[in-house]
């Protein structure tokens, strides 16, 4: 990947972090201890478009910023770790399916979203057990699943559109070529 593509990837990572933060903060439906939001759409898209590690960083930073700006300080570190791992799972899952089908595919996005949301639901469940106890953790499972399904549906609709943008497509193609050359 040349210098210009590296710079564009960094710019896109910052943009995806900002979009994740805004998507998380723009619509909030309160739950027992937290809120349901549409930010998981951008977490999944970050992992798919930017790749597992860079996408994970963008998703984690953007989600953590939403917690910090929204007053959910106690969740911010856990959110960073959970959303990083969620985008990481989405990126690896999508990449595995892309190798099978050689191009973007809806099943790959759906499976990437499912992998991501399993990480989110289980991650917050474990965090809640230690933070508030078992009962609070169980109470948050359903809202986290609703949030995950919403994020998955929106990511399945949004990701193909984003991948048609030339700048994003070029970065994604550059990532795929790099991953293929590393595998050889």
N, C-alpha and C. Protein backbone atom coordinates (compact mmCIF):
# COMPACT_ATOMS: atom_id res chain seq x y z
N UNK A 1 0.85 -1.17 0.00
CA UNK A 1 0.00 0.00 0.00
C UNK A 1 0.90 1.23 0.00
N UNK A 2 0.65 2.16 -0.93
CA UNK A 2 1.50 3.34 -1.02
C UNK A 2 1.14 4.36 0.06
N UNK A 3 1.93 5.42 0.14
CA UNK A 3 1.77 6.45 1.18
C UNK A 3 0.40 7.11 1.09
N UNK A 4 -0.05 7.38 -0.13
CA UNK A 4 -1.36 8.02 -0.30
C UNK A 4 -2.47 7.12 0.24
N UNK A 5 -2.41 5.82 -0.03
CA UNK A 5 -3.42 4.90 0.48
C UNK A 5 -3.35 4.78 2.00
N UNK A 6 -2.13 4.80 2.56
CA UNK A 6 -2.00 4.76 4.02
C UNK A 6 -2.64 5.99 4.65
N UNK A 7 -2.39 7.14 4.03
CA UNK A 7 -2.98 8.38 4.54
C UNK A 7 -4.50 8.32 4.44
N UNK A 8 -5.01 7.84 3.32
CA UNK A 8 -6.46 7.73 3.14
C UNK A 8 -7.07 6.76 4.15
N UNK A 9 -6.36 5.70 4.45
CA UNK A 9 -6.85 4.73 5.43
C UNK A 9 -6.93 5.36 6.81
N UNK A 10 -5.93 6.16 7.16
CA UNK A 10 -5.95 6.86 8.45
C UNK A 10 -7.11 7.86 8.49
N UNK A 11 -7.31 8.58 7.40
CA UNK A 11 -8.42 9.54 7.33
C UNK A 11 -9.75 8.81 7.45
N UNK A 12 -9.89 7.70 6.73
CA UNK A 12 -11.13 6.91 6.82
C UNK A 12 -11.34 6.35 8.22
N UNK A 13 -10.27 5.94 8.87
CA UNK A 13 -10.40 5.43 10.25
C UNK A 13 -10.92 6.52 11.17
N UNK A 14 -10.40 7.74 11.03
CA UNK A 14 -10.91 8.86 11.82
C UNK A 14 -12.36 9.17 11.50
N UNK A 15 -12.69 9.12 10.22
CA UNK A 15 -14.07 9.36 9.80
C UNK A 15 -15.01 8.30 10.36
N UNK A 16 -14.59 7.03 10.30
CA UNK A 16 -15.43 5.96 10.82
C UNK A 16 -15.56 6.03 12.34
N UNK A 17 -14.50 6.47 13.03
CA UNK A 17 -14.60 6.67 14.48
C UNK A 17 -15.63 7.76 14.78
N UNK A 18 -15.57 8.85 14.03
CA UNK A 18 -16.53 9.95 14.23
C UNK A 18 -17.95 9.50 13.90
N UNK A 19 -18.12 8.78 12.79
CA UNK A 19 -19.45 8.29 12.42
C UNK A 19 -19.99 7.30 13.44
N UNK A 20 -19.11 6.48 14.00
CA UNK A 20 -19.54 5.54 15.04
C UNK A 20 -20.01 6.30 16.27
N UNK A 21 -19.27 7.32 16.65
CA UNK A 21 -19.65 8.14 17.80
C UNK A 21 -21.00 8.82 17.57
N UNK A 22 -21.17 9.44 16.42
CA UNK A 22 -22.42 10.14 16.11
C UNK A 22 -23.59 9.15 16.01
N UNK A 23 -23.38 8.03 15.34
CA UNK A 23 -24.46 7.04 15.21
C UNK A 23 -24.87 6.50 16.57
N UNK A 24 -23.90 6.40 17.48
CA UNK A 24 -24.20 5.91 18.82
C UNK A 24 -24.97 6.95 19.62
N UNK A 25 -24.68 8.22 19.40
CA UNK A 25 -25.29 9.28 20.20
C UNK A 25 -26.58 9.85 19.62
N UNK A 26 -26.81 9.68 18.32
CA UNK A 26 -27.91 10.39 17.66
C UNK A 26 -29.29 9.89 18.10
N UNK A 27 -29.46 8.61 18.24
CA UNK A 27 -30.74 8.04 18.69
C UNK A 27 -30.43 7.15 19.88
N UNK A 28 -30.99 7.50 21.02
CA UNK A 28 -30.77 6.72 22.24
C UNK A 28 -32.11 6.34 22.83
N UNK A 29 -32.29 5.05 22.99
CA UNK A 29 -33.48 4.54 23.65
C UNK A 29 -33.03 3.95 24.99
N UNK A 30 -33.39 4.59 26.10
CA UNK A 30 -32.90 4.13 27.41
C UNK A 30 -33.33 2.70 27.75
N UNK A 31 -32.45 1.98 28.42
CA UNK A 31 -32.74 0.65 28.94
C UNK A 31 -32.48 0.66 30.44
N UNK A 32 -32.37 -0.49 31.03
CA UNK A 32 -32.18 -0.61 32.47
C UNK A 32 -31.00 0.21 32.96
N UNK A 33 -29.83 0.03 32.41
CA UNK A 33 -28.62 0.76 32.83
C UNK A 33 -27.94 1.49 31.69
N UNK A 34 -28.35 1.29 30.48
CA UNK A 34 -27.68 1.90 29.34
C UNK A 34 -28.70 2.43 28.34
N UNK A 35 -28.43 2.19 27.08
CA UNK A 35 -29.32 2.64 26.02
C UNK A 35 -29.10 1.81 24.76
N UNK A 36 -30.13 1.75 23.94
CA UNK A 36 -30.05 1.09 22.64
C UNK A 36 -29.79 2.18 21.61
N UNK A 37 -28.91 1.91 20.66
CA UNK A 37 -28.52 2.89 19.65
C UNK A 37 -28.22 2.19 18.33
N UNK A 38 -27.96 2.98 17.29
CA UNK A 38 -27.67 2.41 15.97
C UNK A 38 -26.17 2.39 15.66
N UNK A 39 -25.34 2.68 16.63
CA UNK A 39 -23.89 2.73 16.42
C UNK A 39 -23.27 1.41 16.00
N UNK A 40 -23.92 0.29 16.36
CA UNK A 40 -23.35 -1.01 15.98
C UNK A 40 -23.30 -1.20 14.47
N UNK A 41 -24.13 -0.47 13.75
CA UNK A 41 -24.06 -0.49 12.28
C UNK A 41 -22.68 -0.04 11.83
N UNK A 42 -22.17 1.02 12.43
CA UNK A 42 -20.85 1.54 12.04
C UNK A 42 -19.73 0.68 12.60
N UNK A 43 -19.96 0.01 13.72
CA UNK A 43 -18.96 -0.91 14.26
C UNK A 43 -18.73 -2.05 13.26
N UNK A 44 -19.82 -2.62 12.77
CA UNK A 44 -19.74 -3.71 11.79
C UNK A 44 -19.10 -3.21 10.49
N UNK A 45 -19.58 -2.06 10.01
CA UNK A 45 -19.04 -1.50 8.76
C UNK A 45 -17.56 -1.17 8.90
N UNK A 46 -17.13 -0.69 10.06
CA UNK A 46 -15.72 -0.38 10.29
C UNK A 46 -14.86 -1.63 10.13
N UNK A 47 -15.29 -2.73 10.74
CA UNK A 47 -14.54 -3.98 10.64
C UNK A 47 -14.46 -4.50 9.22
N UNK A 48 -15.57 -4.37 8.50
CA UNK A 48 -15.62 -4.88 7.12
C UNK A 48 -14.79 -4.00 6.18
N UNK A 49 -14.95 -2.70 6.27
CA UNK A 49 -14.34 -1.80 5.30
C UNK A 49 -12.87 -1.52 5.62
N UNK A 50 -12.55 -1.28 6.89
CA UNK A 50 -11.19 -0.91 7.24
C UNK A 50 -10.32 -2.10 7.60
N UNK A 51 -10.92 -3.28 7.71
CA UNK A 51 -10.18 -4.46 8.12
C UNK A 51 -10.28 -4.64 9.62
N UNK A 52 -9.90 -5.82 10.10
CA UNK A 52 -10.12 -6.14 11.51
C UNK A 52 -9.45 -5.20 12.51
N UNK A 53 -8.18 -4.91 12.36
CA UNK A 53 -7.46 -4.15 13.39
C UNK A 53 -7.78 -2.65 13.30
N UNK A 54 -7.62 -2.06 12.13
CA UNK A 54 -7.90 -0.62 11.99
C UNK A 54 -9.38 -0.36 12.20
N UNK A 55 -10.23 -1.23 11.68
CA UNK A 55 -11.67 -1.09 11.91
C UNK A 55 -12.01 -1.24 13.38
N UNK A 56 -11.31 -2.15 14.06
CA UNK A 56 -11.53 -2.33 15.49
C UNK A 56 -11.15 -1.08 16.27
N UNK A 57 -10.04 -0.48 15.91
CA UNK A 57 -9.62 0.76 16.59
C UNK A 57 -10.62 1.88 16.34
N UNK A 58 -11.05 2.04 15.09
CA UNK A 58 -12.02 3.09 14.77
C UNK A 58 -13.32 2.87 15.54
N UNK A 59 -13.80 1.64 15.54
CA UNK A 59 -15.06 1.32 16.24
C UNK A 59 -14.92 1.50 17.74
N UNK A 60 -13.82 1.03 18.29
CA UNK A 60 -13.60 1.14 19.72
C UNK A 60 -13.48 2.59 20.18
N UNK A 61 -12.70 3.36 19.44
CA UNK A 61 -12.51 4.78 19.80
C UNK A 61 -13.82 5.55 19.66
N UNK A 62 -14.51 5.36 18.54
CA UNK A 62 -15.77 6.07 18.33
C UNK A 62 -16.83 5.72 19.37
N UNK A 63 -16.93 4.46 19.72
CA UNK A 63 -17.91 4.02 20.72
C UNK A 63 -17.53 4.52 22.11
N UNK A 64 -16.23 4.48 22.42
CA UNK A 64 -15.76 4.97 23.72
C UNK A 64 -16.02 6.48 23.84
N UNK A 65 -15.77 7.22 22.77
CA UNK A 65 -16.05 8.65 22.79
C UNK A 65 -17.53 8.94 23.04
N UNK A 66 -18.40 8.14 22.45
CA UNK A 66 -19.84 8.32 22.68
C UNK A 66 -20.17 8.12 24.16
N UNK A 67 -19.57 7.13 24.79
CA UNK A 67 -19.78 6.92 26.22
C UNK A 67 -19.25 8.09 27.04
N UNK A 68 -18.05 8.55 26.70
CA UNK A 68 -17.46 9.66 27.45
C UNK A 68 -18.27 10.95 27.27
N UNK A 69 -18.65 11.25 26.04
CA UNK A 69 -19.43 12.47 25.77
C UNK A 69 -20.85 12.37 26.32
N UNK A 70 -21.37 11.15 26.41
CA UNK A 70 -22.74 10.95 26.89
C UNK A 70 -22.87 10.75 28.39
N UNK A 71 -21.75 10.76 29.11
CA UNK A 71 -21.81 10.63 30.56
C UNK A 71 -21.78 9.20 31.09
N UNK A 72 -21.50 8.24 30.23
CA UNK A 72 -21.43 6.84 30.64
C UNK A 72 -19.96 6.46 30.88
N UNK A 73 -19.31 7.23 31.74
CA UNK A 73 -17.87 7.08 31.96
C UNK A 73 -17.47 5.68 32.40
N UNK A 74 -18.25 5.09 33.28
CA UNK A 74 -17.89 3.79 33.83
C UNK A 74 -17.86 2.70 32.75
N UNK A 75 -18.60 2.91 31.66
CA UNK A 75 -18.65 1.93 30.58
C UNK A 75 -17.56 2.15 29.54
N UNK A 76 -16.89 3.30 29.54
CA UNK A 76 -16.04 3.70 28.41
C UNK A 76 -14.91 2.72 28.10
N UNK A 77 -14.20 2.23 29.09
CA UNK A 77 -13.09 1.31 28.82
C UNK A 77 -13.64 -0.03 28.32
N UNK A 78 -14.68 -0.52 29.00
CA UNK A 78 -15.30 -1.78 28.56
C UNK A 78 -15.84 -1.63 27.14
N UNK A 79 -16.44 -0.49 26.84
CA UNK A 79 -16.98 -0.24 25.50
C UNK A 79 -15.86 -0.27 24.47
N UNK A 80 -14.74 0.38 24.77
CA UNK A 80 -13.62 0.36 23.82
C UNK A 80 -13.21 -1.08 23.51
N UNK A 81 -13.01 -1.89 24.54
CA UNK A 81 -12.55 -3.27 24.36
C UNK A 81 -13.61 -4.09 23.61
N UNK A 82 -14.86 -3.98 24.03
CA UNK A 82 -15.93 -4.79 23.43
C UNK A 82 -16.14 -4.41 21.97
N UNK A 83 -16.21 -3.12 21.67
CA UNK A 83 -16.45 -2.70 20.28
C UNK A 83 -15.23 -2.95 19.40
N UNK A 84 -14.02 -2.84 19.96
CA UNK A 84 -12.82 -3.21 19.21
C UNK A 84 -12.91 -4.68 18.81
N UNK A 85 -13.22 -5.54 19.78
CA UNK A 85 -13.32 -6.98 19.51
C UNK A 85 -14.47 -7.29 18.56
N UNK A 86 -15.57 -6.53 18.66
CA UNK A 86 -16.72 -6.74 17.78
C UNK A 86 -16.35 -6.44 16.32
N UNK A 87 -15.68 -5.31 16.10
CA UNK A 87 -15.26 -4.96 14.73
C UNK A 87 -14.18 -5.92 14.24
N UNK A 88 -13.31 -6.34 15.14
CA UNK A 88 -12.29 -7.34 14.80
C UNK A 88 -12.96 -8.63 14.31
N UNK A 89 -13.96 -9.08 15.04
CA UNK A 89 -14.70 -10.30 14.65
C UNK A 89 -15.40 -10.10 13.31
N UNK A 90 -16.01 -8.93 13.13
CA UNK A 90 -16.68 -8.65 11.85
C UNK A 90 -15.68 -8.65 10.70
N UNK A 91 -14.54 -8.01 10.90
CA UNK A 91 -13.53 -7.93 9.85
C UNK A 91 -12.97 -9.28 9.46
N UNK A 92 -12.63 -10.10 10.46
CA UNK A 92 -12.09 -11.43 10.17
C UNK A 92 -13.15 -12.33 9.51
N UNK A 93 -14.37 -12.26 10.00
CA UNK A 93 -15.44 -13.09 9.42
C UNK A 93 -15.71 -12.70 7.98
N UNK A 94 -15.82 -11.39 7.73
CA UNK A 94 -16.08 -10.93 6.37
C UNK A 94 -14.93 -11.32 5.44
N UNK A 95 -13.70 -11.14 5.90
CA UNK A 95 -12.53 -11.48 5.09
C UNK A 95 -12.53 -12.96 4.74
N UNK A 96 -12.89 -13.81 5.69
CA UNK A 96 -12.94 -15.26 5.43
C UNK A 96 -13.96 -15.57 4.35
N UNK A 97 -15.12 -14.92 4.39
CA UNK A 97 -16.13 -15.18 3.37
C UNK A 97 -15.79 -14.53 2.05
N UNK A 98 -15.07 -13.43 2.09
CA UNK A 98 -14.66 -12.79 0.85
C UNK A 98 -13.67 -13.68 0.09
N UNK A 99 -12.84 -14.40 0.81
CA UNK A 99 -11.92 -15.33 0.16
C UNK A 99 -12.70 -16.44 -0.55
N UNK A 100 -13.82 -16.84 0.03
CA UNK A 100 -14.63 -17.89 -0.59
C UNK A 100 -15.36 -17.39 -1.83
N UNK A 101 -15.90 -16.19 -1.76
CA UNK A 101 -16.75 -15.70 -2.83
C UNK A 101 -16.09 -14.66 -3.74
N UNK A 102 -14.90 -14.20 -3.39
CA UNK A 102 -14.08 -13.29 -4.20
C UNK A 102 -14.66 -11.90 -4.40
N UNK A 103 -15.78 -11.56 -3.77
CA UNK A 103 -16.33 -10.20 -3.85
C UNK A 103 -17.29 -10.00 -2.69
N UNK A 104 -17.76 -8.76 -2.57
CA UNK A 104 -18.73 -8.46 -1.50
C UNK A 104 -19.95 -9.36 -1.65
N UNK A 105 -20.44 -9.81 -0.51
CA UNK A 105 -21.64 -10.64 -0.54
C UNK A 105 -22.46 -10.39 0.71
N UNK A 106 -23.76 -10.42 0.56
CA UNK A 106 -24.67 -10.19 1.67
C UNK A 106 -24.53 -11.24 2.76
N UNK A 107 -24.41 -12.53 2.42
CA UNK A 107 -24.21 -13.50 3.50
C UNK A 107 -22.96 -13.24 4.33
N UNK A 108 -21.89 -12.78 3.70
CA UNK A 108 -20.68 -12.46 4.43
C UNK A 108 -20.89 -11.32 5.41
N UNK A 109 -21.64 -10.31 4.98
CA UNK A 109 -21.94 -9.18 5.86
C UNK A 109 -22.83 -9.61 7.01
N UNK A 110 -23.81 -10.43 6.73
CA UNK A 110 -24.72 -10.90 7.79
C UNK A 110 -23.95 -11.75 8.80
N UNK A 111 -23.11 -12.64 8.32
CA UNK A 111 -22.33 -13.47 9.24
C UNK A 111 -21.31 -12.63 10.02
N UNK A 112 -20.74 -11.62 9.36
CA UNK A 112 -19.83 -10.72 10.07
C UNK A 112 -20.58 -9.96 11.15
N UNK A 113 -21.78 -9.52 10.83
CA UNK A 113 -22.61 -8.83 11.82
C UNK A 113 -23.00 -9.73 12.98
N UNK A 114 -23.32 -10.98 12.68
CA UNK A 114 -23.66 -11.92 13.74
C UNK A 114 -22.45 -12.17 14.66
N UNK A 115 -21.29 -12.35 14.07
CA UNK A 115 -20.07 -12.55 14.87
C UNK A 115 -19.83 -11.33 15.76
N UNK A 116 -19.99 -10.16 15.18
CA UNK A 116 -19.79 -8.91 15.91
C UNK A 116 -20.76 -8.80 17.08
N UNK A 117 -22.01 -9.09 16.82
CA UNK A 117 -23.02 -8.91 17.86
C UNK A 117 -22.95 -9.98 18.95
N UNK A 118 -22.46 -11.14 18.63
CA UNK A 118 -22.22 -12.15 19.67
C UNK A 118 -21.16 -11.61 20.65
N UNK A 119 -20.14 -10.96 20.10
CA UNK A 119 -19.11 -10.35 20.94
C UNK A 119 -19.71 -9.24 21.80
N UNK A 120 -20.55 -8.39 21.21
CA UNK A 120 -21.14 -7.27 21.95
C UNK A 120 -22.04 -7.77 23.07
N UNK A 121 -22.95 -8.66 22.76
CA UNK A 121 -23.90 -9.14 23.78
C UNK A 121 -23.17 -9.87 24.90
N UNK A 122 -22.27 -10.77 24.54
CA UNK A 122 -21.55 -11.52 25.57
C UNK A 122 -20.58 -10.62 26.34
N UNK A 123 -19.95 -9.67 25.66
CA UNK A 123 -19.02 -8.75 26.32
C UNK A 123 -19.71 -7.88 27.36
N UNK A 124 -20.84 -7.28 26.98
CA UNK A 124 -21.56 -6.46 27.95
C UNK A 124 -22.20 -7.31 29.05
N UNK A 125 -22.59 -8.53 28.72
CA UNK A 125 -23.12 -9.43 29.75
C UNK A 125 -22.06 -9.68 30.82
N UNK A 126 -20.85 -10.01 30.39
CA UNK A 126 -19.77 -10.25 31.35
C UNK A 126 -19.42 -8.99 32.14
N UNK A 127 -19.37 -7.85 31.46
CA UNK A 127 -19.08 -6.60 32.16
C UNK A 127 -20.15 -6.31 33.20
N UNK A 128 -21.41 -6.45 32.81
CA UNK A 128 -22.52 -6.17 33.73
C UNK A 128 -22.50 -7.09 34.95
N UNK A 129 -22.10 -8.34 34.77
CA UNK A 129 -22.03 -9.25 35.92
C UNK A 129 -21.10 -8.66 36.98
N UNK A 130 -19.95 -8.16 36.55
CA UNK A 130 -18.99 -7.61 37.51
C UNK A 130 -19.36 -6.22 37.99
N UNK A 131 -20.05 -5.45 37.15
CA UNK A 131 -20.38 -4.07 37.49
C UNK A 131 -21.64 -3.97 38.34
N UNK A 132 -22.71 -4.65 37.94
CA UNK A 132 -24.00 -4.52 38.60
C UNK A 132 -24.56 -5.83 39.15
N UNK A 133 -23.99 -6.95 38.75
CA UNK A 133 -24.49 -8.22 39.22
C UNK A 133 -25.23 -8.98 38.13
N UNK A 134 -25.53 -10.22 38.44
CA UNK A 134 -26.12 -11.13 37.46
C UNK A 134 -27.48 -10.67 36.96
N UNK A 135 -28.35 -10.21 37.87
CA UNK A 135 -29.71 -9.80 37.48
C UNK A 135 -29.67 -8.64 36.48
N UNK A 136 -28.82 -7.65 36.72
CA UNK A 136 -28.69 -6.52 35.80
C UNK A 136 -28.14 -6.98 34.46
N UNK A 137 -27.21 -7.92 34.49
CA UNK A 137 -26.63 -8.44 33.25
C UNK A 137 -27.69 -9.15 32.42
N UNK A 138 -28.52 -9.93 33.07
CA UNK A 138 -29.60 -10.64 32.36
C UNK A 138 -30.61 -9.63 31.80
N UNK A 139 -30.90 -8.56 32.56
CA UNK A 139 -31.86 -7.55 32.11
C UNK A 139 -31.40 -6.83 30.85
N UNK A 140 -30.10 -6.77 30.61
CA UNK A 140 -29.56 -6.06 29.45
C UNK A 140 -29.39 -6.95 28.22
N UNK A 141 -29.59 -8.25 28.33
CA UNK A 141 -29.41 -9.14 27.18
C UNK A 141 -30.38 -8.78 26.05
N UNK A 142 -31.66 -8.67 26.37
CA UNK A 142 -32.65 -8.39 25.32
C UNK A 142 -32.40 -7.05 24.63
N UNK A 143 -32.21 -5.94 25.38
CA UNK A 143 -31.91 -4.67 24.68
C UNK A 143 -30.64 -4.73 23.83
N UNK A 144 -29.63 -5.44 24.32
CA UNK A 144 -28.40 -5.58 23.52
C UNK A 144 -28.64 -6.39 22.26
N UNK A 145 -29.51 -7.39 22.33
CA UNK A 145 -29.86 -8.17 21.13
C UNK A 145 -30.65 -7.32 20.14
N UNK A 146 -31.58 -6.50 20.63
CA UNK A 146 -32.34 -5.61 19.74
C UNK A 146 -31.39 -4.64 19.05
N UNK A 147 -30.49 -4.06 19.83
CA UNK A 147 -29.49 -3.15 19.27
C UNK A 147 -28.64 -3.86 18.22
N UNK A 148 -28.24 -5.09 18.51
CA UNK A 148 -27.42 -5.85 17.58
C UNK A 148 -28.13 -6.17 16.28
N UNK A 149 -29.38 -6.58 16.38
CA UNK A 149 -30.16 -6.90 15.18
C UNK A 149 -30.36 -5.64 14.33
N UNK A 150 -30.65 -4.53 14.99
CA UNK A 150 -30.81 -3.26 14.28
C UNK A 150 -29.50 -2.88 13.57
N UNK A 151 -28.40 -2.99 14.29
CA UNK A 151 -27.09 -2.68 13.70
C UNK A 151 -26.77 -3.58 12.52
N UNK A 152 -27.09 -4.85 12.66
CA UNK A 152 -26.82 -5.81 11.59
C UNK A 152 -27.64 -5.48 10.33
N UNK A 153 -28.91 -5.19 10.51
CA UNK A 153 -29.77 -4.85 9.36
C UNK A 153 -29.27 -3.59 8.67
N UNK A 154 -28.96 -2.57 9.47
CA UNK A 154 -28.47 -1.32 8.88
C UNK A 154 -27.11 -1.52 8.21
N UNK A 155 -26.24 -2.31 8.81
CA UNK A 155 -24.93 -2.57 8.18
C UNK A 155 -25.09 -3.33 6.88
N UNK A 156 -26.02 -4.28 6.84
CA UNK A 156 -26.26 -5.03 5.60
C UNK A 156 -26.77 -4.12 4.49
N UNK A 157 -27.51 -3.07 4.87
CA UNK A 157 -28.00 -2.12 3.87
C UNK A 157 -26.94 -1.07 3.51
N UNK A 158 -26.17 -0.62 4.49
CA UNK A 158 -25.23 0.47 4.29
C UNK A 158 -23.90 0.05 3.67
N UNK A 159 -23.39 -1.09 4.05
CA UNK A 159 -22.05 -1.52 3.61
C UNK A 159 -21.93 -1.61 2.09
N UNK A 160 -22.90 -2.21 1.36
CA UNK A 160 -22.73 -2.24 -0.10
C UNK A 160 -22.70 -0.84 -0.72
N UNK A 161 -23.43 0.09 -0.12
CA UNK A 161 -23.42 1.46 -0.62
C UNK A 161 -22.05 2.09 -0.39
N UNK A 162 -21.52 1.92 0.82
CA UNK A 162 -20.20 2.47 1.14
C UNK A 162 -19.11 1.88 0.26
N UNK A 163 -19.22 0.58 -0.03
CA UNK A 163 -18.19 -0.07 -0.84
C UNK A 163 -18.22 0.36 -2.31
N UNK A 164 -19.27 1.08 -2.71
CA UNK A 164 -19.33 1.61 -4.08
C UNK A 164 -18.66 2.98 -4.20
N UNK A 165 -18.36 3.60 -3.07
CA UNK A 165 -17.66 4.89 -3.10
C UNK A 165 -16.22 4.61 -3.53
N UNK A 166 -15.75 5.27 -4.60
CA UNK A 166 -14.42 4.94 -5.13
C UNK A 166 -13.29 4.96 -4.10
N UNK A 167 -13.24 5.97 -3.25
CA UNK A 167 -12.16 6.07 -2.27
C UNK A 167 -12.20 4.87 -1.31
N UNK A 168 -13.37 4.51 -0.84
CA UNK A 168 -13.51 3.37 0.08
C UNK A 168 -13.21 2.07 -0.65
N UNK A 169 -13.71 1.92 -1.86
CA UNK A 169 -13.47 0.71 -2.65
C UNK A 169 -11.98 0.52 -2.90
N UNK A 170 -11.28 1.61 -3.23
CA UNK A 170 -9.84 1.52 -3.49
C UNK A 170 -9.07 1.11 -2.24
N UNK A 171 -9.45 1.64 -1.09
CA UNK A 171 -8.80 1.27 0.17
C UNK A 171 -9.08 -0.19 0.47
N UNK A 172 -10.32 -0.63 0.29
CA UNK A 172 -10.70 -2.03 0.54
C UNK A 172 -9.95 -2.96 -0.41
N UNK A 173 -9.84 -2.59 -1.68
CA UNK A 173 -9.10 -3.42 -2.64
C UNK A 173 -7.64 -3.48 -2.24
N UNK A 174 -7.05 -2.36 -1.82
CA UNK A 174 -5.66 -2.33 -1.38
C UNK A 174 -5.44 -3.22 -0.17
N UNK A 175 -6.39 -3.24 0.76
CA UNK A 175 -6.29 -4.12 1.93
C UNK A 175 -6.33 -5.58 1.52
N UNK A 176 -7.22 -5.91 0.60
CA UNK A 176 -7.36 -7.30 0.16
C UNK A 176 -6.10 -7.78 -0.54
N UNK A 177 -5.51 -6.93 -1.38
CA UNK A 177 -4.28 -7.32 -2.07
C UNK A 177 -3.16 -7.55 -1.07
N UNK A 178 -3.07 -6.68 -0.05
CA UNK A 178 -2.05 -6.81 0.98
C UNK A 178 -2.24 -8.12 1.75
N UNK A 179 -3.49 -8.42 2.12
CA UNK A 179 -3.79 -9.66 2.87
C UNK A 179 -3.48 -10.89 2.03
N UNK A 180 -3.79 -10.83 0.74
CA UNK A 180 -3.51 -11.97 -0.12
C UNK A 180 -2.01 -12.20 -0.27
N UNK A 181 -1.22 -11.12 -0.39
CA UNK A 181 0.23 -11.28 -0.55
C UNK A 181 0.86 -11.78 0.75
N UNK A 182 0.30 -11.41 1.90
CA UNK A 182 0.83 -11.89 3.18
C UNK A 182 0.52 -13.38 3.38
N UNK A 183 -0.58 -13.85 2.80
CA UNK A 183 -0.97 -15.25 2.95
C UNK A 183 -0.09 -16.19 2.13
N UNK A 184 0.57 -15.65 1.10
CA UNK A 184 1.38 -16.50 0.21
C UNK A 184 2.72 -16.79 0.78
